[in-house]
Structure formats: C-alpha cells, structure tokens
Amino acid sequence: MTSYATSSAKAEMSELRRLKSLLPPELQSWVTVEGTTEVNPPLIRSEEIGKDQVEIQIDLVKWDSLAMDQRNLLFWHEVARIQNDTIPKDGWEMAALAIGLGGAVGELWVQDGLLLVLALALCGVSGWRLYQKNNGEKQLKELVDADEKAIALATRFGYSLPNAYKSLGSALKTLIDNTPSKRQRSRYEARLSALKRSANKAKAKSRPVDDSADY
C-alpha cells in the first residue's frame, strides 16, 4: 500500500511538471519550477540562481489549498514578472553602501578629498538604487503590470478574457482573506482594485462580454 508521504510527494512532482508546462516556450529552457523547503516562505516567488537562469519557488502546502484556476493565474503573474524583468536581483546595494560609508569615514580621517568624493558617490548610487527597489508605488505598478500580462498569458493558453479576470480576481480575494500581514494585504487589495478597473475597461471595449460577470 502506497504511504501518504509517497503519494503526497508524487502529487507535488505532478503539480511542478504541470506548472512547467504552463511556461511559454521561450522561457522553458532557462526557467525552472521547484517547491521551496524554507520555513514560512512566500506562496510563490522567483529568484536568479545563475547566469541566465531563474527559479520559480512555490510553497506547495499553501499552494494546494488554492483552486486550479487560481494557481494558474498566480503562476502566470510570476512568469510575467520574469518577462518584465522585475524580479529581485542580487542585492549588491547594501554592500556598496556599507563600503561607501566606511570609505567616507576613513577619508575624512586621512583628509583625501578625491577618495572622499568617490566614496560619497558610491553611497549616492547605492542609496538611490535601494530607494528605487523599495519604492512602494514603483513596486505596486510592477505588480499591476504583471497582473495585466498574466491575463494576456492566460488567454494565450486558452482562457477566455472574462474567465482569466475571474480567476485572478478570485485568487487575489483568497490571498487577502488568508494574509495576516496588513501591509501585504493592502498590496493585494490595491492589485484587486486595479484588476477590477482593467476588467471594466475590457468589458467596455468588447461588448457583450458577460455583463453578469463579477470579477
């Protein structure tokens, strides 16, 4: 008799293979899909694992509680972030900022003007990059743009436009209900609001779509 652990592992491998098949052909050679083994990881995220290689990491325990269509649209959202080149990169900025600050303090001591200017310039560049990476409005725009592209990917894989919007909207509502972090929850809520506006625009452009649809 097959043990529960064995059948669970088989189900997880089957899901990872299924998700891999949802990658656009142009990404399949350099994007991989794996289950994460971290403690309390995010539901889904992408990470550079080498030159021209990206890994999509999924918390399969949380993932299993979502409906299939919800999974698909959240997966395509992450794929869209890869296509838009908005996944987090290796964080060199903090190291550069520390080096720049250390250099600036050192040059103040020895009074070398040129090196002081170079150290301050390094601080300025790395500080600006950190500000850009952590800018809330910029991050939200990137997420909303990825939602729009996820809808387009869904239609490319056979979804009707109304069903694509419904599935992503349902997924975001589920994440809102299940997310304890107020900050993260507000980000999902902002994405859902933007998605509803986009759905209404899509309806207006292609009447009749489904006037009874509730995105």
Protein backbone atom coordinates (compact mmCIF):
# COMPACT_ATOMS: atom_id res chain seq x y z
CA MET A 1 0.00 0.00 0.00
CA THR A 2 1.39 3.40 -1.01
CA SER A 3 2.14 5.57 2.00
CA TYR A 4 0.62 9.03 2.39
CA ALA A 5 4.09 10.64 2.18
CA THR A 6 4.82 8.85 -1.11
CA SER A 7 1.50 9.80 -2.69
CA SER A 8 1.92 13.38 -1.47
CA ALA A 9 5.40 13.58 -2.99
CA LYS A 10 4.06 12.22 -6.28
CA ALA A 11 1.26 14.80 -6.28
CA GLU A 12 3.78 17.60 -5.69
CA MET A 13 6.02 16.40 -8.52
CA SER A 14 2.99 16.15 -10.79
CA GLU A 15 1.99 19.72 -9.95
CA LEU A 16 5.51 21.03 -10.61
CA ARG A 17 5.54 19.29 -14.01
CA ARG A 18 2.12 20.75 -14.78
CA LEU A 19 3.30 24.25 -13.93
CA LYS A 20 6.42 23.79 -16.03
CA SER A 21 4.12 23.05 -18.98
CA LEU A 22 2.42 26.42 -18.40
CA LEU A 23 5.64 28.29 -19.12
CA PRO A 24 5.71 29.98 -22.52
CA PRO A 25 8.02 28.01 -24.86
CA GLU A 26 10.56 30.84 -24.96
CA LEU A 27 11.10 30.54 -21.18
CA GLN A 28 11.22 26.77 -20.76
CA SER A 29 14.96 26.42 -21.36
CA TRP A 30 16.03 28.85 -18.62
CA VAL A 31 13.20 28.99 -16.06
CA THR A 32 12.69 26.12 -13.60
CA VAL A 33 9.87 25.45 -11.14
CA GLU A 34 10.61 23.96 -7.71
CA GLY A 35 8.97 23.52 -4.33
CA THR A 36 10.61 25.55 -1.57
CA THR A 37 11.90 23.96 1.63
CA GLU A 38 12.20 27.20 3.60
CA VAL A 39 10.37 27.83 6.86
CA ASN A 40 7.34 30.11 6.36
CA PRO A 41 8.19 31.08 2.77
CA PRO A 42 6.07 33.30 0.49
CA LEU A 43 3.46 31.47 -1.57
CA ILE A 44 5.40 31.99 -4.80
CA ARG A 45 8.49 33.94 -5.78
CA SER A 46 11.26 33.99 -8.38
CA GLU A 47 15.00 34.05 -7.82
CA GLU A 48 18.05 34.24 -10.06
CA ILE A 49 20.11 31.11 -9.49
CA GLY A 50 22.86 31.72 -12.02
CA LYS A 51 23.68 33.45 -15.24
CA ASP A 52 20.52 33.45 -17.40
CA GLN A 53 18.77 31.05 -15.03
CA VAL A 54 15.68 31.80 -12.93
CA GLU A 55 13.86 29.52 -10.50
CA ILE A 56 10.20 29.93 -9.52
CA GLN A 57 9.84 28.68 -5.94
CA ILE A 58 6.45 27.60 -4.60
CA ASP A 59 5.21 26.76 -1.11
CA LEU A 60 3.34 23.63 -2.17
CA VAL A 61 1.50 23.30 1.15
CA LYS A 62 -0.21 26.69 0.76
CA TRP A 63 -0.45 26.18 -3.00
CA ASP A 64 -2.50 23.03 -2.58
CA SER A 65 -5.31 24.97 -0.87
CA LEU A 66 -5.94 27.08 -3.98
CA ALA A 67 -8.22 26.16 -6.86
CA MET A 68 -6.57 25.16 -10.13
CA ASP A 69 -7.53 28.34 -11.99
CA GLN A 70 -6.28 30.47 -9.10
CA ARG A 71 -2.94 28.66 -9.18
CA ASN A 72 -2.62 29.14 -12.92
CA LEU A 73 -3.17 32.89 -12.83
CA LEU A 74 -0.85 33.42 -9.86
CA PHE A 75 1.78 31.35 -11.64
CA TRP A 76 1.40 33.42 -14.82
CA HIS A 77 1.70 36.58 -12.72
CA GLU A 78 5.13 35.37 -11.60
CA VAL A 79 6.02 34.41 -15.18
CA ALA A 80 5.03 37.94 -16.24
CA ARG A 81 7.36 39.42 -13.62
CA ILE A 82 10.20 37.40 -15.14
CA GLN A 83 9.27 38.57 -18.63
CA ASN A 84 9.11 42.18 -17.39
CA ASP A 85 12.49 41.77 -15.67
CA THR A 86 11.11 42.95 -12.31
CA ILE A 87 12.13 40.05 -10.07
CA PRO A 88 14.57 40.97 -7.25
CA LYS A 89 18.21 40.94 -8.29
CA ASP A 90 21.25 40.10 -6.17
CA GLY A 91 21.41 42.78 -3.51
CA TRP A 92 24.78 44.44 -4.08
CA GLU A 93 23.44 47.81 -2.99
CA MET A 94 23.67 47.25 0.79
CA ALA A 95 27.27 46.04 0.50
CA ALA A 96 28.16 49.02 -1.72
CA LEU A 97 26.50 51.43 0.72
CA ALA A 98 28.46 49.97 3.63
CA ILE A 99 31.72 50.18 1.68
CA GLY A 100 30.97 53.76 0.65
CA LEU A 101 30.12 54.86 4.18
CA GLY A 102 33.18 53.15 5.58
CA GLY A 103 35.34 54.75 2.91
CA ALA A 104 33.86 58.19 3.54
CA VAL A 105 34.59 57.97 7.27
CA GLY A 106 38.12 56.76 6.55
CA GLU A 107 38.85 59.54 4.06
CA LEU A 108 37.56 62.15 6.49
CA TRP A 109 40.21 60.89 8.88
CA VAL A 110 43.09 60.97 6.36
CA GLN A 111 41.65 64.02 4.53
CA ASP A 112 41.99 62.69 0.96
CA GLY A 113 39.48 64.79 -0.98
CA LEU A 114 39.33 62.71 -4.17
CA LEU A 115 38.76 59.42 -2.39
CA LEU A 116 36.16 61.10 -0.19
CA VAL A 117 34.26 62.25 -3.28
CA LEU A 118 34.43 58.73 -4.77
CA ALA A 119 33.20 57.16 -1.51
CA LEU A 120 30.29 59.62 -1.32
CA ALA A 121 29.44 58.94 -4.96
CA LEU A 122 29.30 55.20 -4.21
CA CYS A 123 26.98 55.94 -1.28
CA GLY A 124 24.77 58.06 -3.51
CA VAL A 125 24.43 55.45 -6.28
CA SER A 126 23.76 52.54 -3.94
CA GLY A 127 21.37 54.61 -1.81
CA TRP A 128 19.37 55.65 -4.87
CA ARG A 129 19.18 52.06 -6.08
CA LEU A 130 17.91 50.96 -2.66
CA TYR A 131 15.29 53.70 -2.72
CA GLN A 132 14.11 52.60 -6.16
CA LYS A 133 13.91 48.95 -5.13
CA ASN A 134 11.88 49.77 -2.01
CA ASN A 135 9.65 52.45 -3.52
CA GLY A 136 6.09 51.33 -2.78
CA GLU A 137 4.46 53.00 -5.79
CA LYS A 138 7.01 51.55 -8.20
CA GLN A 139 6.61 48.07 -6.72
CA LEU A 140 2.82 48.28 -6.96
CA LYS A 141 2.99 49.39 -10.60
CA GLU A 142 5.24 46.45 -11.39
CA LEU A 143 2.77 44.05 -9.74
CA VAL A 144 -0.21 45.57 -11.58
CA ASP A 145 1.68 45.39 -14.88
CA ALA A 146 2.42 41.72 -14.18
CA ASP A 147 -1.29 41.08 -13.49
CA GLU A 148 -2.15 42.59 -16.89
CA LYS A 149 0.41 40.38 -18.61
CA ALA A 150 -0.83 37.34 -16.63
CA ILE A 151 -4.29 37.92 -18.13
CA ALA A 152 -2.74 38.01 -21.61
CA LEU A 153 -0.80 34.80 -20.89
CA ALA A 154 -3.98 33.10 -19.71
CA THR A 155 -5.75 33.93 -22.99
CA ARG A 156 -2.69 32.64 -24.85
CA PHE A 157 -3.18 29.31 -23.03
CA GLY A 158 -6.88 29.08 -23.87
CA TYR A 159 -8.71 31.08 -21.21
CA SER A 160 -11.49 33.43 -22.25
CA LEU A 161 -10.87 37.01 -21.16
CA PRO A 162 -13.72 37.04 -18.60
CA ASN A 163 -12.56 33.75 -17.06
CA ALA A 164 -8.98 34.99 -16.85
CA TYR A 165 -10.12 38.08 -14.93
CA LYS A 166 -12.41 36.00 -12.70
CA SER A 167 -9.67 33.52 -11.84
CA LEU A 168 -7.07 36.14 -10.95
CA GLY A 169 -9.64 38.20 -9.04
CA SER A 170 -10.68 35.12 -7.07
CA ALA A 171 -7.05 34.30 -6.31
CA LEU A 172 -6.38 37.81 -5.01
CA LYS A 173 -9.52 37.70 -2.84
CA THR A 174 -8.34 34.40 -1.33
CA LEU A 175 -4.89 35.86 -0.63
CA ILE A 176 -6.50 38.90 1.04
CA ASP A 177 -8.57 36.64 3.29
CA ASN A 178 -5.60 34.45 4.24
CA THR A 179 -2.86 37.07 4.71
CA PRO A 180 -2.27 38.24 8.30
CA SER A 181 0.21 40.98 7.34
CA LYS A 182 -1.66 44.27 6.97
CA ARG A 183 0.96 45.67 4.59
CA GLN A 184 0.88 42.65 2.30
CA ARG A 185 -2.91 42.50 2.46
CA SER A 186 -3.21 46.14 1.38
CA ARG A 187 -0.96 45.38 -1.58
CA TYR A 188 -3.26 42.55 -2.66
CA GLU A 189 -6.25 44.87 -2.21
CA ALA A 190 -4.63 47.51 -4.43
CA ARG A 191 -3.94 44.89 -7.10
CA LEU A 192 -7.56 43.70 -6.92
CA SER A 193 -8.86 47.26 -7.33
CA ALA A 194 -6.62 47.79 -10.36
CA LEU A 195 -7.76 44.45 -11.79
CA LYS A 196 -11.42 45.43 -11.46
CA ARG A 197 -10.75 48.70 -13.30
CA SER A 198 -8.96 46.81 -16.04
CA ALA A 199 -11.83 44.29 -16.32
CA ASN A 200 -14.36 47.09 -16.66
CA LYS A 201 -12.31 48.67 -19.45
CA ALA A 202 -12.07 45.30 -21.20
CA LYS A 203 -15.85 44.89 -20.92
CA ALA A 204 -16.46 48.33 -22.39
CA LYS A 205 -14.20 47.58 -25.36
CA SER A 206 -15.77 44.25 -26.27
CA ARG A 207 -19.50 44.27 -25.55
CA PRO A 208 -21.20 41.96 -24.99
CA VAL A 209 -18.64 40.04 -22.93
CA ASP A 210 -20.52 38.82 -19.87
CA ASP A 211 -22.43 41.57 -18.17
CA SER A 212 -23.23 39.30 -15.24
CA ALA A 213 -19.56 38.55 -14.55
CA ASP A 214 -18.31 39.51 -11.10
CA TYR A 215 -14.57 40.00 -11.22
